[in-house]
Amino acid sequence: MSAVDFEQWAVPPLTLNLNGHTYVVQPPDVERAKKILAAAVRGEVNLGIVLGPVPDEIQAILDDIGPDEHPALGNVWQQMTADGLPTLTKDRMAYYAVFYWARGKEYADNLAAVLWTPREPGSAGGGGAAPKGSSRPKTGRRTAWANQTKKAGTRTIGQSRKR
């Protein structure tokens, strides 16, 4: 019987470095992935990247996430708490991890740059322009699409369509 070395195709962990600490988040299992995808939908609706509201079936998944559960970071959240990281920093890392797992590194990096890069007061766009060399996450059909046909009072959300 032959063996296949699958190492090169396995999903690597997400490694986050901060203040001399390294946090290694293992890729999500099926249950965590479901919660991460639901959180990504809510995040994109809240940010106006896709049209809302959040569908009821997605909201039901979000409602099942416990108060001390952070699916995108797994048990790394507890390690961050033990290390004394501020709540806002942990929340940003969790938000980044949601989009990292749901949409990929480039999307998460671009979103983080737009949301958290310090800007000069009074610069264009209220919060300032996106940092040089980065761009806002693509909106509309390029990232996700929302079916405007009402079905039982909710809009349906699907994966990106290729044109």
N, C-alpha and C. Protein backbone atom coordinates (compact mmCIF):
# COMPACT_ATOMS: atom_id res chain seq x y z
N MET A 1 0.85 -1.17 0.00
CA MET A 1 0.00 0.00 0.00
C MET A 1 0.90 1.24 0.00
N SER A 2 0.54 2.23 -0.80
CA SER A 2 1.33 3.47 -0.86
C SER A 2 0.74 4.52 0.07
N ALA A 3 1.57 5.45 0.45
CA ALA A 3 1.14 6.54 1.32
C ALA A 3 1.32 7.85 0.58
N VAL A 4 0.47 8.80 0.90
CA VAL A 4 0.54 10.13 0.28
C VAL A 4 0.89 11.13 1.37
N ASP A 5 1.91 11.91 1.12
CA ASP A 5 2.27 12.98 2.05
C ASP A 5 1.38 14.18 1.76
N PHE A 6 0.42 14.43 2.60
CA PHE A 6 -0.59 15.46 2.39
C PHE A 6 -0.20 16.80 3.03
N GLU A 7 0.97 16.85 3.65
CA GLU A 7 1.41 18.04 4.39
C GLU A 7 1.31 19.33 3.58
N GLN A 8 1.70 19.30 2.32
CA GLN A 8 1.70 20.51 1.50
C GLN A 8 0.30 21.04 1.18
N TRP A 9 -0.74 20.21 1.36
CA TRP A 9 -2.09 20.62 1.04
C TRP A 9 -2.93 20.89 2.28
N ALA A 10 -2.41 20.59 3.44
CA ALA A 10 -3.16 20.80 4.68
C ALA A 10 -3.27 22.29 4.97
N VAL A 11 -4.35 22.69 5.58
CA VAL A 11 -4.55 24.09 5.95
C VAL A 11 -3.66 24.40 7.15
N PRO A 12 -2.78 25.40 7.01
CA PRO A 12 -1.88 25.73 8.13
C PRO A 12 -2.61 26.53 9.21
N PRO A 13 -2.07 26.54 10.41
CA PRO A 13 -2.67 27.35 11.47
C PRO A 13 -2.46 28.84 11.19
N LEU A 14 -3.24 29.65 11.86
CA LEU A 14 -3.08 31.11 11.82
C LEU A 14 -2.18 31.49 12.98
N THR A 15 -1.08 32.16 12.68
CA THR A 15 -0.14 32.57 13.71
C THR A 15 -0.23 34.08 13.88
N LEU A 16 -0.55 34.52 15.10
CA LEU A 16 -0.67 35.94 15.43
C LEU A 16 0.42 36.31 16.43
N ASN A 17 1.21 37.31 16.11
CA ASN A 17 2.28 37.77 16.99
C ASN A 17 1.91 39.12 17.58
N LEU A 18 2.14 39.28 18.89
CA LEU A 18 1.86 40.55 19.54
C LEU A 18 2.66 40.64 20.84
N ASN A 19 3.40 41.72 21.00
CA ASN A 19 4.13 42.00 22.25
C ASN A 19 4.99 40.83 22.70
N GLY A 20 5.68 40.20 21.77
CA GLY A 20 6.56 39.09 22.12
C GLY A 20 5.86 37.77 22.35
N HIS A 21 4.54 37.75 22.19
CA HIS A 21 3.77 36.50 22.34
C HIS A 21 3.38 36.00 20.95
N THR A 22 3.36 34.70 20.80
CA THR A 22 2.90 34.08 19.56
C THR A 22 1.68 33.24 19.89
N TYR A 23 0.60 33.53 19.18
CA TYR A 23 -0.66 32.81 19.36
C TYR A 23 -0.91 31.99 18.10
N VAL A 24 -1.00 30.68 18.25
CA VAL A 24 -1.19 29.79 17.12
C VAL A 24 -2.61 29.23 17.18
N VAL A 25 -3.41 29.64 16.19
CA VAL A 25 -4.81 29.22 16.12
C VAL A 25 -4.92 28.09 15.10
N GLN A 26 -5.37 26.95 15.56
CA GLN A 26 -5.53 25.81 14.66
C GLN A 26 -6.70 26.04 13.71
N PRO A 27 -6.64 25.50 12.50
CA PRO A 27 -7.77 25.65 11.57
C PRO A 27 -9.05 25.12 12.21
N PRO A 28 -10.17 25.73 11.87
CA PRO A 28 -11.43 25.31 12.49
C PRO A 28 -11.90 23.94 12.03
N ASP A 29 -12.55 23.24 12.96
CA ASP A 29 -13.25 22.02 12.60
C ASP A 29 -14.60 22.42 12.02
N VAL A 30 -15.42 21.47 11.65
CA VAL A 30 -16.69 21.76 10.99
C VAL A 30 -17.60 22.62 11.88
N GLU A 31 -17.70 22.31 13.14
CA GLU A 31 -18.58 23.07 14.04
C GLU A 31 -18.11 24.51 14.19
N ARG A 32 -16.81 24.71 14.41
CA ARG A 32 -16.27 26.07 14.52
C ARG A 32 -16.41 26.81 13.20
N ALA A 33 -16.19 26.13 12.08
CA ALA A 33 -16.29 26.76 10.76
C ALA A 33 -17.69 27.30 10.51
N LYS A 34 -18.69 26.56 10.91
CA LYS A 34 -20.08 27.00 10.75
C LYS A 34 -20.30 28.32 11.50
N LYS A 35 -19.78 28.40 12.70
CA LYS A 35 -19.94 29.61 13.52
C LYS A 35 -19.12 30.78 12.95
N ILE A 36 -17.94 30.47 12.44
CA ILE A 36 -17.08 31.50 11.84
C ILE A 36 -17.75 32.08 10.60
N LEU A 37 -18.31 31.23 9.75
CA LEU A 37 -18.98 31.71 8.55
C LEU A 37 -20.19 32.57 8.90
N ALA A 38 -20.93 32.17 9.94
CA ALA A 38 -22.06 32.98 10.39
C ALA A 38 -21.58 34.35 10.89
N ALA A 39 -20.48 34.36 11.63
CA ALA A 39 -19.93 35.63 12.13
C ALA A 39 -19.45 36.50 10.97
N ALA A 40 -18.90 35.88 9.93
CA ALA A 40 -18.46 36.65 8.76
C ALA A 40 -19.65 37.29 8.05
N VAL A 41 -20.74 36.56 7.94
CA VAL A 41 -21.95 37.13 7.33
C VAL A 41 -22.41 38.34 8.13
N ARG A 42 -22.50 38.17 9.45
CA ARG A 42 -22.93 39.29 10.30
C ARG A 42 -21.96 40.47 10.17
N GLY A 43 -20.66 40.20 10.17
CA GLY A 43 -19.68 41.27 10.03
C GLY A 43 -19.83 42.01 8.71
N GLU A 44 -20.02 41.30 7.62
CA GLU A 44 -20.16 41.94 6.32
C GLU A 44 -21.46 42.74 6.23
N VAL A 45 -22.52 42.26 6.87
CA VAL A 45 -23.77 43.03 6.92
C VAL A 45 -23.56 44.28 7.77
N ASN A 46 -22.95 44.13 8.94
CA ASN A 46 -22.73 45.28 9.83
C ASN A 46 -21.84 46.34 9.18
N LEU A 47 -20.87 45.91 8.39
CA LEU A 47 -19.96 46.85 7.71
C LEU A 47 -20.55 47.40 6.41
N GLY A 48 -21.68 46.88 5.98
CA GLY A 48 -22.30 47.34 4.74
C GLY A 48 -21.66 46.76 3.49
N ILE A 49 -20.88 45.70 3.64
CA ILE A 49 -20.24 45.06 2.49
C ILE A 49 -21.28 44.27 1.69
N VAL A 50 -22.22 43.64 2.38
CA VAL A 50 -23.35 42.97 1.73
C VAL A 50 -24.64 43.50 2.36
N LEU A 51 -25.71 43.34 1.63
CA LEU A 51 -27.00 43.81 2.10
C LEU A 51 -27.52 42.91 3.22
N GLY A 52 -28.18 43.50 4.18
CA GLY A 52 -28.78 42.77 5.29
C GLY A 52 -30.27 42.68 5.10
N PRO A 53 -30.95 42.19 6.05
CA PRO A 53 -30.50 41.77 7.37
C PRO A 53 -29.86 40.39 7.35
N VAL A 54 -29.30 40.03 8.50
CA VAL A 54 -28.74 38.69 8.65
C VAL A 54 -29.91 37.70 8.61
N PRO A 55 -29.85 36.70 7.74
CA PRO A 55 -30.93 35.71 7.67
C PRO A 55 -31.16 34.99 9.00
N ASP A 56 -32.39 34.60 9.23
CA ASP A 56 -32.75 33.95 10.49
C ASP A 56 -31.92 32.71 10.78
N GLU A 57 -31.64 31.89 9.75
CA GLU A 57 -30.87 30.66 9.97
C GLU A 57 -29.43 30.98 10.38
N ILE A 58 -28.89 32.09 9.89
CA ILE A 58 -27.55 32.51 10.29
C ILE A 58 -27.59 33.06 11.72
N GLN A 59 -28.62 33.85 12.02
CA GLN A 59 -28.76 34.40 13.37
C GLN A 59 -28.91 33.29 14.40
N ALA A 60 -29.58 32.21 14.04
CA ALA A 60 -29.74 31.08 14.97
C ALA A 60 -28.38 30.48 15.32
N ILE A 61 -27.49 30.38 14.35
CA ILE A 61 -26.13 29.87 14.61
C ILE A 61 -25.39 30.83 15.54
N LEU A 62 -25.51 32.13 15.26
CA LEU A 62 -24.85 33.13 16.11
C LEU A 62 -25.38 33.10 17.54
N ASP A 63 -26.68 32.88 17.69
CA ASP A 63 -27.29 32.83 19.02
C ASP A 63 -26.80 31.65 19.84
N ASP A 64 -26.29 30.60 19.17
CA ASP A 64 -25.79 29.42 19.86
C ASP A 64 -24.34 29.57 20.33
N ILE A 65 -23.68 30.66 19.96
CA ILE A 65 -22.29 30.88 20.40
C ILE A 65 -22.32 31.36 21.84
N GLY A 66 -21.63 30.65 22.71
CA GLY A 66 -21.61 30.99 24.13
C GLY A 66 -20.89 32.30 24.41
N PRO A 67 -21.15 32.90 25.58
CA PRO A 67 -20.55 34.19 25.91
C PRO A 67 -19.03 34.16 26.02
N ASP A 68 -18.46 33.02 26.36
CA ASP A 68 -17.01 32.91 26.48
C ASP A 68 -16.39 32.12 25.33
N GLU A 69 -17.18 31.91 24.27
CA GLU A 69 -16.71 31.14 23.12
C GLU A 69 -16.31 32.10 22.00
N HIS A 70 -15.16 31.85 21.42
CA HIS A 70 -14.66 32.66 20.31
C HIS A 70 -14.19 31.71 19.22
N PRO A 71 -15.12 31.26 18.35
CA PRO A 71 -14.80 30.21 17.38
C PRO A 71 -13.61 30.50 16.48
N ALA A 72 -13.41 31.74 16.09
CA ALA A 72 -12.31 32.05 15.16
C ALA A 72 -10.94 31.93 15.82
N LEU A 73 -10.89 32.08 17.14
CA LEU A 73 -9.62 31.99 17.87
C LEU A 73 -9.48 30.71 18.68
N GLY A 74 -10.55 29.95 18.82
CA GLY A 74 -10.48 28.71 19.60
C GLY A 74 -9.99 28.98 21.02
N ASN A 75 -9.14 28.11 21.53
CA ASN A 75 -8.67 28.26 22.91
C ASN A 75 -7.60 29.34 23.06
N VAL A 76 -7.18 29.95 21.96
CA VAL A 76 -6.19 31.02 22.02
C VAL A 76 -6.75 32.23 22.77
N TRP A 77 -8.08 32.41 22.74
CA TRP A 77 -8.72 33.53 23.47
C TRP A 77 -8.35 33.47 24.95
N GLN A 78 -8.42 32.29 25.56
CA GLN A 78 -8.08 32.16 26.97
C GLN A 78 -6.61 32.49 27.21
N GLN A 79 -5.74 32.09 26.29
CA GLN A 79 -4.32 32.39 26.41
C GLN A 79 -4.11 33.91 26.34
N MET A 80 -4.80 34.58 25.46
CA MET A 80 -4.70 36.04 25.34
C MET A 80 -5.18 36.73 26.62
N THR A 81 -6.24 36.21 27.19
CA THR A 81 -6.77 36.76 28.44
C THR A 81 -5.76 36.57 29.56
N ALA A 82 -5.18 35.38 29.65
CA ALA A 82 -4.17 35.11 30.68
C ALA A 82 -2.94 36.01 30.51
N ASP A 83 -2.63 36.38 29.26
CA ASP A 83 -1.49 37.26 28.99
C ASP A 83 -1.82 38.73 29.25
N GLY A 84 -3.07 39.00 29.60
CA GLY A 84 -3.46 40.37 29.94
C GLY A 84 -3.71 41.29 28.77
N LEU A 85 -4.02 40.72 27.59
CA LEU A 85 -4.30 41.59 26.44
C LEU A 85 -5.59 42.36 26.69
N PRO A 86 -5.63 43.62 26.28
CA PRO A 86 -6.86 44.41 26.40
C PRO A 86 -8.00 43.79 25.58
N THR A 87 -9.21 43.95 26.05
CA THR A 87 -10.38 43.38 25.37
C THR A 87 -10.48 43.86 23.93
N LEU A 88 -10.24 45.15 23.68
CA LEU A 88 -10.34 45.68 22.33
C LEU A 88 -9.33 45.00 21.39
N THR A 89 -8.13 44.76 21.87
CA THR A 89 -7.12 44.08 21.05
C THR A 89 -7.56 42.65 20.76
N LYS A 90 -8.06 41.95 21.76
CA LYS A 90 -8.54 40.58 21.55
C LYS A 90 -9.71 40.57 20.56
N ASP A 91 -10.61 41.55 20.69
CA ASP A 91 -11.75 41.62 19.78
C ASP A 91 -11.29 41.85 18.34
N ARG A 92 -10.29 42.71 18.17
CA ARG A 92 -9.77 42.95 16.82
C ARG A 92 -9.11 41.69 16.26
N MET A 93 -8.39 40.98 17.09
CA MET A 93 -7.75 39.75 16.64
C MET A 93 -8.80 38.70 16.27
N ALA A 94 -9.89 38.64 17.04
CA ALA A 94 -10.98 37.71 16.73
C ALA A 94 -11.66 38.10 15.42
N TYR A 95 -11.89 39.39 15.22
CA TYR A 95 -12.51 39.87 13.98
C TYR A 95 -11.63 39.53 12.78
N TYR A 96 -10.33 39.76 12.93
CA TYR A 96 -9.37 39.43 11.87
C TYR A 96 -9.44 37.93 11.58
N ALA A 97 -9.43 37.11 12.63
CA ALA A 97 -9.43 35.66 12.46
C ALA A 97 -10.71 35.18 11.76
N VAL A 98 -11.86 35.81 12.07
CA VAL A 98 -13.10 35.44 11.39
C VAL A 98 -12.93 35.58 9.89
N PHE A 99 -12.44 36.73 9.45
CA PHE A 99 -12.32 36.96 8.01
C PHE A 99 -11.14 36.20 7.40
N TYR A 100 -10.12 35.93 8.19
CA TYR A 100 -9.00 35.11 7.72
C TYR A 100 -9.51 33.71 7.36
N TRP A 101 -10.26 33.10 8.27
CA TRP A 101 -10.75 31.75 8.02
C TRP A 101 -11.86 31.73 6.98
N ALA A 102 -12.72 32.76 6.96
CA ALA A 102 -13.87 32.76 6.06
C ALA A 102 -13.52 33.22 4.65
N ARG A 103 -12.60 34.18 4.52
CA ARG A 103 -12.34 34.80 3.22
C ARG A 103 -10.89 34.77 2.76
N GLY A 104 -9.98 34.46 3.66
CA GLY A 104 -8.57 34.39 3.30
C GLY A 104 -7.76 35.55 3.85
N LYS A 105 -6.45 35.36 3.81
CA LYS A 105 -5.51 36.32 4.40
C LYS A 105 -5.58 37.69 3.75
N GLU A 106 -5.60 37.75 2.42
CA GLU A 106 -5.61 39.04 1.73
C GLU A 106 -6.84 39.86 2.12
N TYR A 107 -8.00 39.23 2.15
CA TYR A 107 -9.24 39.91 2.52
C TYR A 107 -9.15 40.42 3.96
N ALA A 108 -8.70 39.55 4.87
CA ALA A 108 -8.59 39.94 6.28
C ALA A 108 -7.58 41.08 6.46
N ASP A 109 -6.45 41.00 5.76
CA ASP A 109 -5.44 42.07 5.83
C ASP A 109 -6.01 43.40 5.34
N ASN A 110 -6.68 43.38 4.19
CA ASN A 110 -7.25 44.61 3.65
C ASN A 110 -8.30 45.20 4.58
N LEU A 111 -9.16 44.36 5.11
CA LEU A 111 -10.20 44.83 6.02
C LEU A 111 -9.58 45.43 7.28
N ALA A 112 -8.59 44.76 7.84
CA ALA A 112 -7.92 45.26 9.05
C ALA A 112 -7.26 46.60 8.78
N ALA A 113 -6.62 46.75 7.61
CA ALA A 113 -5.97 48.01 7.28
C ALA A 113 -6.98 49.15 7.20
N VAL A 114 -8.12 48.88 6.60
CA VAL A 114 -9.15 49.90 6.47
C VAL A 114 -9.75 50.24 7.84
N LEU A 115 -9.99 49.24 8.65
CA LEU A 115 -10.66 49.47 9.94
C LEU A 115 -9.75 50.06 11.01
N TRP A 116 -8.49 49.66 11.06
CA TRP A 116 -7.69 49.97 12.24
C TRP A 116 -6.41 50.74 12.01
N THR A 117 -6.07 51.04 10.77
CA THR A 117 -4.85 51.82 10.53
C THR A 117 -5.10 53.26 10.98
N PRO A 118 -4.24 53.79 11.85
CA PRO A 118 -4.43 55.18 12.30
C PRO A 118 -4.41 56.13 11.11
N ARG A 119 -5.28 57.13 11.15
CA ARG A 119 -5.39 58.13 10.10
C ARG A 119 -5.14 59.52 10.69
N GLU A 120 -4.76 60.43 9.82
CA GLU A 120 -4.61 61.83 10.23
C GLU A 120 -5.99 62.42 10.45
N PRO A 121 -6.20 63.18 11.53
CA PRO A 121 -7.50 63.82 11.74
C PRO A 121 -7.84 64.73 10.56
N GLY A 122 -9.11 64.67 10.15
CA GLY A 122 -9.57 65.54 9.07
C GLY A 122 -9.21 65.07 7.68
N SER A 123 -8.64 63.88 7.55
CA SER A 123 -8.30 63.39 6.21
C SER A 123 -9.56 62.95 5.49
N ALA A 124 -9.45 62.72 4.20
CA ALA A 124 -10.60 62.41 3.35
C ALA A 124 -11.36 61.20 3.84
N GLY A 125 -12.67 61.20 3.53
CA GLY A 125 -13.50 60.03 3.82
C GLY A 125 -13.89 59.89 5.27
N GLY A 126 -13.86 60.94 6.06
CA GLY A 126 -14.25 60.87 7.45
C GLY A 126 -13.20 60.16 8.27
N GLY A 127 -12.99 58.86 8.03
CA GLY A 127 -12.00 58.09 8.77
C GLY A 127 -10.65 58.12 8.09
N GLY A 128 -10.56 58.80 6.96
CA GLY A 128 -9.29 58.86 6.25
C GLY A 128 -9.24 57.87 5.11
N ALA A 129 -8.31 58.07 4.26
CA ALA A 129 -8.15 57.18 3.11
C ALA A 129 -7.51 55.88 3.55
N ALA A 130 -7.71 54.85 2.75
CA ALA A 130 -7.07 53.57 3.04
C ALA A 130 -5.57 53.75 2.95
N PRO A 131 -4.81 52.98 3.72
CA PRO A 131 -3.37 53.11 3.68
C PRO A 131 -2.81 52.86 2.30
N LYS A 132 -1.70 53.53 1.99
CA LYS A 132 -1.07 53.39 0.69
C LYS A 132 -0.72 51.92 0.45
N GLY A 133 -1.05 51.45 -0.75
CA GLY A 133 -0.75 50.07 -1.10
C GLY A 133 -1.82 49.09 -0.70
N SER A 134 -2.88 49.56 -0.05
CA SER A 134 -3.97 48.65 0.31
C SER A 134 -5.24 49.16 -0.35
N SER A 135 -6.24 48.35 -0.32
CA SER A 135 -7.52 48.77 -0.87
C SER A 135 -8.62 48.26 0.04
N ARG A 136 -9.75 48.91 -0.07
CA ARG A 136 -10.91 48.45 0.69
C ARG A 136 -11.32 47.09 0.15
N PRO A 137 -11.96 46.27 1.01
CA PRO A 137 -12.46 45.01 0.49
C PRO A 137 -13.45 45.28 -0.63
N LYS A 138 -13.40 44.48 -1.66
CA LYS A 138 -14.31 44.66 -2.77
C LYS A 138 -15.73 44.45 -2.28
N THR A 139 -16.65 45.23 -2.83
CA THR A 139 -18.04 45.13 -2.40
C THR A 139 -18.89 44.56 -3.51
N GLY A 140 -20.14 44.35 -3.18
CA GLY A 140 -21.10 43.89 -4.18
C GLY A 140 -20.87 42.46 -4.59
N ARG A 141 -21.17 42.16 -5.83
CA ARG A 141 -21.13 40.79 -6.33
C ARG A 141 -19.74 40.19 -6.35
N ARG A 142 -18.71 41.00 -6.26
CA ARG A 142 -17.37 40.43 -6.29
C ARG A 142 -17.04 39.70 -5.00
N THR A 143 -17.69 40.04 -3.87
CA THR A 143 -17.40 39.34 -2.62
C THR A 143 -18.54 38.43 -2.21
N ALA A 144 -19.74 38.86 -2.41
CA ALA A 144 -20.92 38.06 -2.08
C ALA A 144 -22.09 38.67 -2.80
N TRP A 145 -23.15 37.94 -2.92
CA TRP A 145 -24.32 38.51 -3.56
C TRP A 145 -25.52 38.29 -2.67
N ALA A 146 -26.44 39.20 -2.73
CA ALA A 146 -27.67 39.12 -1.95
C ALA A 146 -28.83 39.05 -2.93
N ASN A 147 -29.62 38.02 -2.83
CA ASN A 147 -30.79 37.87 -3.67
C ASN A 147 -31.86 38.80 -3.14
N GLN A 148 -32.28 39.74 -3.94
CA GLN A 148 -33.24 40.74 -3.51
C GLN A 148 -34.67 40.22 -3.49
N THR A 149 -34.90 39.01 -3.99
CA THR A 149 -36.22 38.43 -3.95
C THR A 149 -36.53 38.00 -2.53
N LYS A 150 -37.61 38.51 -1.99
CA LYS A 150 -37.97 38.17 -0.61
C LYS A 150 -38.45 36.72 -0.55
N LYS A 151 -37.94 35.99 0.42
CA LYS A 151 -38.36 34.61 0.67
C LYS A 151 -38.61 34.51 2.15
N ALA A 152 -39.84 34.38 2.53
CA ALA A 152 -40.22 34.24 3.94
C ALA A 152 -39.65 35.39 4.77
N GLY A 153 -39.59 36.57 4.19
CA GLY A 153 -39.19 37.75 4.96
C GLY A 153 -37.70 37.97 5.09
N THR A 154 -36.87 37.11 4.50
CA THR A 154 -35.43 37.31 4.61
C THR A 154 -34.81 37.28 3.22
N ARG A 155 -33.67 37.92 3.10
CA ARG A 155 -32.91 37.86 1.87
C ARG A 155 -31.95 36.69 1.98
N THR A 156 -31.68 36.05 0.88
CA THR A 156 -30.75 34.93 0.92
C THR A 156 -29.38 35.41 0.51
N ILE A 157 -28.36 34.83 1.10
CA ILE A 157 -26.99 35.23 0.80
C ILE A 157 -26.26 34.00 0.30
N GLY A 158 -25.51 34.16 -0.78
CA GLY A 158 -24.78 33.05 -1.37
C GLY A 158 -23.33 33.39 -1.60
N GLN A 159 -22.60 32.46 -2.15
CA GLN A 159 -21.19 32.65 -2.43
C GLN A 159 -21.01 33.54 -3.66
N SER A 160 -19.83 34.03 -3.79
CA SER A 160 -19.46 34.88 -4.92
C SER A 160 -19.67 34.17 -6.24
N ARG A 161 -20.18 34.89 -7.23
CA ARG A 161 -20.36 34.34 -8.56
C ARG A 161 -19.23 34.83 -9.44
N LYS A 162 -18.73 33.97 -10.29
CA LYS A 162 -17.71 34.37 -11.28
C LYS A 162 -18.44 34.97 -12.47
N ARG A 163 -17.86 36.04 -13.01
CA ARG A 163 -18.44 36.65 -14.21
C ARG A 163 -17.65 36.29 -15.41
